[in-house]
């Protein structure tokens, strides 16, 4: 087996991966596994406004996206 050599570039890549992992865990902890609040009306996000959101099982994000695509095609 080849050993891991810690060069400066290896350290930079490892730090980038560690930072991204911390950001991902923080996002999961704060927002949960459902991103439907990005698309539903219960958010302050500029992307909100598709109506009320009832969680992942009842989320209207897909319907809203399809409606927006239909409007764009007209």
Protein backbone atom coordinates (compact mmCIF):
# COMPACT_ATOMS: atom_id res chain seq x y z
CA UNK A 1 0.00 0.00 0.00
CA UNK A 2 1.21 3.50 -0.84
CA UNK A 3 1.63 5.82 2.11
CA UNK A 4 0.07 9.27 2.25
CA UNK A 5 2.61 12.02 1.72
CA UNK A 6 1.65 15.33 3.34
CA UNK A 7 2.74 17.97 0.86
CA UNK A 8 1.46 21.55 1.00
CA UNK A 9 -1.06 20.84 -1.74
CA UNK A 10 -2.35 17.77 0.13
CA UNK A 11 -2.85 19.87 3.23
CA UNK A 12 -4.75 22.53 1.28
CA UNK A 13 -7.03 19.94 -0.31
CA UNK A 14 -7.63 18.28 3.08
CA UNK A 15 -8.51 21.66 4.63
CA UNK A 16 -10.92 22.48 1.81
CA UNK A 17 -12.65 19.12 2.23
CA UNK A 18 -12.84 19.60 6.00
CA UNK A 19 -14.35 23.10 5.65
CA UNK A 20 -16.92 21.88 3.13
CA UNK A 21 -17.84 18.98 5.42
CA UNK A 22 -18.36 21.38 8.34
CA UNK A 23 -20.54 23.64 6.18
CA UNK A 24 -22.60 20.67 5.00
CA UNK A 25 -23.18 19.42 8.55
CA UNK A 26 -24.10 22.93 9.70
CA UNK A 27 -26.64 23.25 6.87
CA UNK A 28 -28.17 19.86 7.70
CA UNK A 29 -28.40 20.77 11.39
CA UNK A 30 -29.99 24.19 10.79
CA UNK A 31 -32.27 23.41 7.84
CA UNK A 32 -32.85 19.68 8.06
CA UNK A 33 -32.76 17.35 5.11
CA UNK A 34 -35.62 19.10 3.31
CA UNK A 35 -34.88 22.09 1.09
CA UNK A 36 -38.52 22.73 0.28
CA UNK A 37 -38.44 25.92 2.34
CA UNK A 38 -36.27 27.49 -0.37
CA UNK A 39 -39.16 27.23 -2.78
CA UNK A 40 -42.24 27.65 -0.60
CA UNK A 41 -43.92 30.77 0.72
CA UNK A 42 -42.86 30.30 4.34
CA UNK A 43 -39.38 31.63 3.68
CA UNK A 44 -37.89 35.11 3.45
CA UNK A 45 -35.85 33.91 0.49
CA UNK A 46 -36.25 35.76 -2.82
CA UNK A 47 -37.01 32.37 -4.37
CA UNK A 48 -40.04 31.87 -2.13
CA UNK A 49 -43.62 32.57 -3.04
CA UNK A 50 -45.01 29.28 -4.31
CA UNK A 51 -47.61 28.95 -1.58
CA UNK A 52 -47.53 27.21 1.73
CA UNK A 53 -45.21 24.32 2.38
CA UNK A 54 -46.23 21.25 4.33
CA UNK A 55 -42.85 19.56 4.45
CA UNK A 56 -41.19 17.23 2.00
CA UNK A 57 -44.15 14.92 1.49
CA UNK A 58 -46.52 17.75 0.61
CA UNK A 59 -44.09 20.24 -0.82
CA UNK A 60 -45.23 22.09 -3.90
CA UNK A 61 -41.70 22.89 -5.08
CA UNK A 62 -41.92 20.59 -8.08
CA UNK A 63 -45.31 21.89 -9.11
CA UNK A 64 -44.06 25.46 -8.74
CA UNK A 65 -40.97 24.71 -10.83
CA UNK A 66 -43.09 23.11 -13.56
CA UNK A 67 -45.46 26.11 -13.52
CA UNK A 68 -42.51 28.53 -13.78
CA UNK A 69 -41.09 26.55 -16.70
CA UNK A 70 -44.50 26.61 -18.37
CA UNK A 71 -44.70 30.39 -17.94
CA UNK A 72 -41.22 30.77 -19.38
CA UNK A 73 -42.17 28.80 -22.49
CA UNK A 74 -45.16 31.05 -23.23
